[in-house]
């Protein structure tokens, strides 16, 4: 087989998601996402935190590149989402996944309301969704919560949110 420069470039092309870094509001920990890998480092202990996904312990937390991560203002919640169309909401105290939401499209941005009652996420077509977390007391995973569309096709792609409150 004869390799041309174009074939070599096409063969070597691999899309890699950018590394994402989020610092806990109280600077207790740092979350880092590279590709589908999510790691959390406890700054005070100087070691990696144990991150547990009770939804699916036999596979990675995300099956494709993570495109958005963030802590809530109070530092109690953390959210991760990406190309696997999965939004994971984590307790930043236990680093346990408390809820997983499926999206119809790849997720490009996430945010947690200032009071921690809502998680918003946007998909790659500009649809903004909200998940109501009312009733979550921090002691057990959430059940029976669904994402509700907030804006439909607001714009072509949303890449970040600012903090919001209700």
C-alpha atoms as a PDB file:
ATOM      1  CA  UNK A   1       0.000   0.000   0.000  1.00  0.00           C
ATOM      2  CA  UNK A   2       1.368   3.368  -0.954  1.00  0.00           C
ATOM      3  CA  UNK A   3       1.178   6.004   1.764  1.00  0.00           C
ATOM      4  CA  UNK A   4       0.751   9.598   0.747  1.00  0.00           C
ATOM      5  CA  UNK A   5       1.131  12.504   3.147  1.00  0.00           C
ATOM      6  CA  UNK A   6      -2.664  12.908   3.192  1.00  0.00           C
ATOM      7  CA  UNK A   7      -3.188   9.241   4.131  1.00  0.00           C
ATOM      8  CA  UNK A   8      -0.611   9.516   6.894  1.00  0.00           C
ATOM      9  CA  UNK A   9      -2.287  12.619   8.300  1.00  0.00           C
ATOM     10  CA  UNK A  10      -5.729  11.028   8.072  1.00  0.00           C
ATOM     11  CA  UNK A  11      -4.455   7.868   9.729  1.00  0.00           C
ATOM     12  CA  UNK A  12      -2.859   9.805  12.598  1.00  0.00           C
ATOM     13  CA  UNK A  13      -5.783  12.178  13.212  1.00  0.00           C
ATOM     14  CA  UNK A  14      -7.265  11.621  16.634  1.00  0.00           C
ATOM     15  CA  UNK A  15      -9.584  14.102  18.287  1.00  0.00           C
ATOM     16  CA  UNK A  16      -8.536  14.806  21.847  1.00  0.00           C
ATOM     17  CA  UNK A  17     -10.714  16.820  24.187  1.00  0.00           C
ATOM     18  CA  UNK A  18      -8.939  19.643  25.994  1.00  0.00           C
ATOM     19  CA  UNK A  19      -7.917  19.129  29.602  1.00  0.00           C
ATOM     20  CA  UNK A  20     -10.417  20.696  31.978  1.00  0.00           C
ATOM     21  CA  UNK A  21      -9.610  21.924  35.476  1.00  0.00           C
ATOM     22  CA  UNK A  22     -12.040  23.028  38.193  1.00  0.00           C
ATOM     23  CA  UNK A  23     -10.995  24.247  41.639  1.00  0.00           C
ATOM     24  CA  UNK A  24     -13.279  23.729  44.641  1.00  0.00           C
ATOM     25  CA  UNK A  25     -14.677  27.094  45.900  1.00  0.00           C
ATOM     26  CA  UNK A  26     -12.933  26.572  49.256  1.00  0.00           C
ATOM     27  CA  UNK A  27      -9.778  25.323  47.489  1.00  0.00           C
ATOM     28  CA  UNK A  28     -10.105  21.915  49.161  1.00  0.00           C
ATOM     29  CA  UNK A  29      -9.730  19.957  45.935  1.00  0.00           C
ATOM     30  CA  UNK A  30      -9.050  20.170  42.217  1.00  0.00           C
ATOM     31  CA  UNK A  31     -10.906  18.146  39.586  1.00  0.00           C
ATOM     32  CA  UNK A  32      -9.135  17.381  36.327  1.00  0.00           C
ATOM     33  CA  UNK A  33     -10.717  15.796  33.247  1.00  0.00           C
ATOM     34  CA  UNK A  34      -8.640  14.604  30.297  1.00  0.00           C
ATOM     35  CA  UNK A  35     -10.537  12.691  27.642  1.00  0.00           C
ATOM     36  CA  UNK A  36     -12.957  10.387  29.468  1.00  0.00           C
ATOM     37  CA  UNK A  37     -10.813  10.299  32.607  1.00  0.00           C
ATOM     38  CA  UNK A  38     -11.927  12.237  35.695  1.00  0.00           C
ATOM     39  CA  UNK A  39      -9.577  12.613  38.656  1.00  0.00           C
ATOM     40  CA  UNK A  40      -9.934  14.579  41.842  1.00  0.00           C
ATOM     41  CA  UNK A  41      -7.036  15.656  44.014  1.00  0.00           C
ATOM     42  CA  UNK A  42      -7.427  16.526  47.682  1.00  0.00           C
ATOM     43  CA  UNK A  43      -5.207  19.608  48.082  1.00  0.00           C
ATOM     44  CA  UNK A  44      -5.046  19.457  51.878  1.00  0.00           C
ATOM     45  CA  UNK A  45      -4.150  15.738  52.017  1.00  0.00           C
ATOM     46  CA  UNK A  46      -1.868  15.971  48.995  1.00  0.00           C
ATOM     47  CA  UNK A  47      -3.378  12.848  47.437  1.00  0.00           C
ATOM     48  CA  UNK A  48      -5.979  11.643  44.980  1.00  0.00           C
ATOM     49  CA  UNK A  49      -9.549  11.483  46.250  1.00  0.00           C
ATOM     50  CA  UNK A  50     -11.489   8.264  45.793  1.00  0.00           C
ATOM     51  CA  UNK A  51     -14.187   8.922  43.175  1.00  0.00           C
ATOM     52  CA  UNK A  52     -17.024   6.372  43.187  1.00  0.00           C
ATOM     53  CA  UNK A  53     -19.714   5.938  40.561  1.00  0.00           C
ATOM     54  CA  UNK A  54     -22.402   3.784  42.175  1.00  0.00           C
ATOM     55  CA  UNK A  55     -24.365   3.727  38.896  1.00  0.00           C
ATOM     56  CA  UNK A  56     -21.764   1.695  37.014  1.00  0.00           C
ATOM     57  CA  UNK A  57     -18.762   0.497  39.009  1.00  0.00           C
ATOM     58  CA  UNK A  58     -17.376  -1.780  36.267  1.00  0.00           C
ATOM     59  CA  UNK A  59     -16.763   0.887  33.629  1.00  0.00           C
ATOM     60  CA  UNK A  60     -15.232   4.359  33.406  1.00  0.00           C
ATOM     61  CA  UNK A  61     -17.211   7.272  34.754  1.00  0.00           C
ATOM     62  CA  UNK A  62     -17.676   8.561  31.224  1.00  0.00           C
ATOM     63  CA  UNK A  63     -17.417   6.484  28.068  1.00  0.00           C
ATOM     64  CA  UNK A  64     -16.278   9.378  25.862  1.00  0.00           C
ATOM     65  CA  UNK A  65     -14.545  12.732  26.242  1.00  0.00           C
ATOM     66  CA  UNK A  66     -15.650  14.956  29.094  1.00  0.00           C
ATOM     67  CA  UNK A  67     -16.374  18.458  27.736  1.00  0.00           C
ATOM     68  CA  UNK A  68     -17.663  20.297  30.810  1.00  0.00           C
ATOM     69  CA  UNK A  69     -17.051  20.157  34.570  1.00  0.00           C
ATOM     70  CA  UNK A  70     -17.828  22.454  37.473  1.00  0.00           C
ATOM     71  CA  UNK A  71     -18.383  22.875  41.184  1.00  0.00           C
ATOM     72  CA  UNK A  72     -21.405  24.556  42.709  1.00  0.00           C
ATOM     73  CA  UNK A  73     -20.763  27.866  44.499  1.00  0.00           C
ATOM     74  CA  UNK A  74     -21.108  26.240  47.927  1.00  0.00           C
ATOM     75  CA  UNK A  75     -18.805  23.371  46.939  1.00  0.00           C
ATOM     76  CA  UNK A  76     -21.246  20.609  47.862  1.00  0.00           C
ATOM     77  CA  UNK A  77     -21.947  19.473  44.297  1.00  0.00           C
ATOM     78  CA  UNK A  78     -19.836  18.810  41.220  1.00  0.00           C
ATOM     79  CA  UNK A  79     -21.050  18.017  37.710  1.00  0.00           C
ATOM     80  CA  UNK A  80     -19.338  16.383  34.723  1.00  0.00           C
ATOM     81  CA  UNK A  81     -20.657  15.822  31.201  1.00  0.00           C
ATOM     82  CA  UNK A  82     -19.529  15.298  27.654  1.00  0.00           C
ATOM     83  CA  UNK A  83     -19.577  13.447  24.375  1.00  0.00           C
ATOM     84  CA  UNK A  84     -21.146  10.297  25.861  1.00  0.00           C
ATOM     85  CA  UNK A  85     -24.379  12.302  26.340  1.00  0.00           C
ATOM     86  CA  UNK A  86     -24.257  11.651  30.081  1.00  0.00           C
ATOM     87  CA  UNK A  87     -24.432  14.264  32.851  1.00  0.00           C
ATOM     88  CA  UNK A  88     -23.150  13.046  36.213  1.00  0.00           C
ATOM     89  CA  UNK A  89     -23.896  14.919  39.434  1.00  0.00           C
ATOM     90  CA  UNK A  90     -21.454  14.181  42.254  1.00  0.00           C
ATOM     91  CA  UNK A  91     -21.366  14.881  45.968  1.00  0.00           C
ATOM     92  CA  UNK A  92     -18.134  16.865  46.447  1.00  0.00           C
ATOM     93  CA  UNK A  93     -17.986  15.667  50.061  1.00  0.00           C
ATOM     94  CA  UNK A  94     -18.012  11.896  49.402  1.00  0.00           C
ATOM     95  CA  UNK A  95     -17.069  12.007  45.679  1.00  0.00           C
ATOM     96  CA  UNK A  96     -19.907   9.621  45.005  1.00  0.00           C
ATOM     97  CA  UNK A  97     -22.086  10.001  41.910  1.00  0.00           C
ATOM     98  CA  UNK A  98     -25.531  10.858  43.247  1.00  0.00           C
ATOM     99  CA  UNK A  99     -27.364  11.068  39.928  1.00  0.00           C
ATOM    100  CA  UNK A 100     -26.901  10.420  36.223  1.00  0.00           C
ATOM    101  CA  UNK A 101     -28.965  12.137  33.524  1.00  0.00           C
ATOM    102  CA  UNK A 102     -29.024  11.134  29.852  1.00  0.00           C
ATOM    103  CA  UNK A 103     -28.960  13.840  27.219  1.00  0.00           C
ATOM    104  CA  UNK A 104     -30.221  13.527  23.662  1.00  0.00           C
ATOM    105  CA  UNK A 105     -27.065  15.194  22.289  1.00  0.00           C
ATOM    106  CA  UNK A 106     -23.461  15.720  23.335  1.00  0.00           C
ATOM    107  CA  UNK A 107     -23.174  18.069  26.300  1.00  0.00           C
ATOM    108  CA  UNK A 108     -21.048  21.207  25.936  1.00  0.00           C
ATOM    109  CA  UNK A 109     -21.637  23.220  29.145  1.00  0.00           C
ATOM    110  CA  UNK A 110     -22.786  22.676  32.734  1.00  0.00           C
ATOM    111  CA  UNK A 111     -23.683  24.864  35.729  1.00  0.00           C
ATOM    112  CA  UNK A 112     -25.078  24.462  39.225  1.00  0.00           C
ATOM    113  CA  UNK A 113     -27.378  27.086  40.724  1.00  0.00           C
ATOM    114  CA  UNK A 114     -25.976  29.126  43.605  1.00  0.00           C
ATOM    115  CA  UNK A 115     -28.251  27.376  46.103  1.00  0.00           C
ATOM    116  CA  UNK A 116     -27.512  23.903  44.663  1.00  0.00           C
ATOM    117  CA  UNK A 117     -31.148  23.250  43.791  1.00  0.00           C
ATOM    118  CA  UNK A 118     -30.691  23.039  40.015  1.00  0.00           C
ATOM    119  CA  UNK A 119     -28.193  21.726  37.498  1.00  0.00           C
ATOM    120  CA  UNK A 120     -28.280  23.146  33.988  1.00  0.00           C
ATOM    121  CA  UNK A 121     -26.587  21.715  30.940  1.00  0.00           C
ATOM    122  CA  UNK A 122     -26.491  22.623  27.274  1.00  0.00           C
ATOM    123  CA  UNK A 123     -26.186  20.283  24.337  1.00  0.00           C
ATOM    124  CA  UNK A 124     -24.282  20.858  21.124  1.00  0.00           C
ATOM    125  CA  UNK A 125     -27.390  22.209  19.359  1.00  0.00           C
ATOM    126  CA  UNK A 126     -27.982  24.949  21.936  1.00  0.00           C
ATOM    127  CA  UNK A 127     -30.796  23.311  23.889  1.00  0.00           C
ATOM    128  CA  UNK A 128     -30.518  24.209  27.581  1.00  0.00           C
ATOM    129  CA  UNK A 129     -31.833  21.669  30.092  1.00  0.00           C
ATOM    130  CA  UNK A 130     -32.459  21.942  33.843  1.00  0.00           C
ATOM    131  CA  UNK A 131     -32.571  19.218  36.503  1.00  0.00           C
ATOM    132  CA  UNK A 132     -34.426  20.059  39.723  1.00  0.00           C
ATOM    133  CA  UNK A 133     -32.476  18.712  42.711  1.00  0.00           C
ATOM    134  CA  UNK A 134     -34.978  19.804  45.347  1.00  0.00           C
ATOM    135  CA  UNK A 135     -35.330  17.199  48.043  1.00  0.00           C
ATOM    136  CA  UNK A 136     -31.674  16.178  47.931  1.00  0.00           C
ATOM    137  CA  UNK A 137     -30.311  16.210  51.465  1.00  0.00           C
ATOM    138  CA  UNK A 138     -26.844  14.819  50.763  1.00  0.00           C
ATOM    139  CA  UNK A 139     -27.442  11.462  52.423  1.00  0.00           C
ATOM    140  CA  UNK A 140     -28.479   9.294  49.478  1.00  0.00           C
ATOM    141  CA  UNK A 141     -28.468   9.215  45.670  1.00  0.00           C
ATOM    142  CA  UNK A 142     -31.297  10.963  43.834  1.00  0.00           C
ATOM    143  CA  UNK A 143     -33.980   8.987  42.023  1.00  0.00           C
ATOM    144  CA  UNK A 144     -36.687   9.768  39.484  1.00  0.00           C
ATOM    145  CA  UNK A 145     -35.332  13.155  38.377  1.00  0.00           C
ATOM    146  CA  UNK A 146     -35.543  14.128  34.727  1.00  0.00           C
ATOM    147  CA  UNK A 147     -34.066  16.962  32.727  1.00  0.00           C
ATOM    148  CA  UNK A 148     -36.550  19.539  31.458  1.00  0.00           C
ATOM    149  CA  UNK A 149     -35.810  21.790  28.462  1.00  0.00           C
ATOM    150  CA  UNK A 150     -35.391  25.417  29.477  1.00  0.00           C
ATOM    151  CA  UNK A 151     -34.500  26.955  26.092  1.00  0.00           C
ATOM    152  CA  UNK A 152     -34.731  25.213  22.742  1.00  0.00           C
ATOM    153  CA  UNK A 153     -32.155  25.912  20.064  1.00  0.00           C
ATOM    154  CA  UNK A 154     -31.218  29.141  21.810  1.00  0.00           C
ATOM    155  CA  UNK A 155     -28.092  29.309  19.661  1.00  0.00           C
ATOM    156  CA  UNK A 156     -25.969  26.873  17.698  1.00  0.00           C
ATOM    157  CA  UNK A 157     -23.625  25.885  20.541  1.00  0.00           C
ATOM    158  CA  UNK A 158     -23.153  26.940  24.148  1.00  0.00           C
ATOM    159  CA  UNK A 159     -19.668  26.449  25.549  1.00  0.00           C
ATOM    160  CA  UNK A 160     -20.021  27.872  29.053  1.00  0.00           C
ATOM    161  CA  UNK A 161     -22.476  29.166  31.629  1.00  0.00           C
ATOM    162  CA  UNK A 162     -22.058  31.733  34.351  1.00  0.00           C
ATOM    163  CA  UNK A 163     -23.264  30.975  37.842  1.00  0.00           C
ATOM    164  CA  UNK A 164     -27.014  31.433  38.219  1.00  0.00           C
ATOM    165  CA  UNK A 165     -29.567  31.450  40.980  1.00  0.00           C
ATOM    166  CA  UNK A 166     -33.285  30.911  41.385  1.00  0.00           C
END
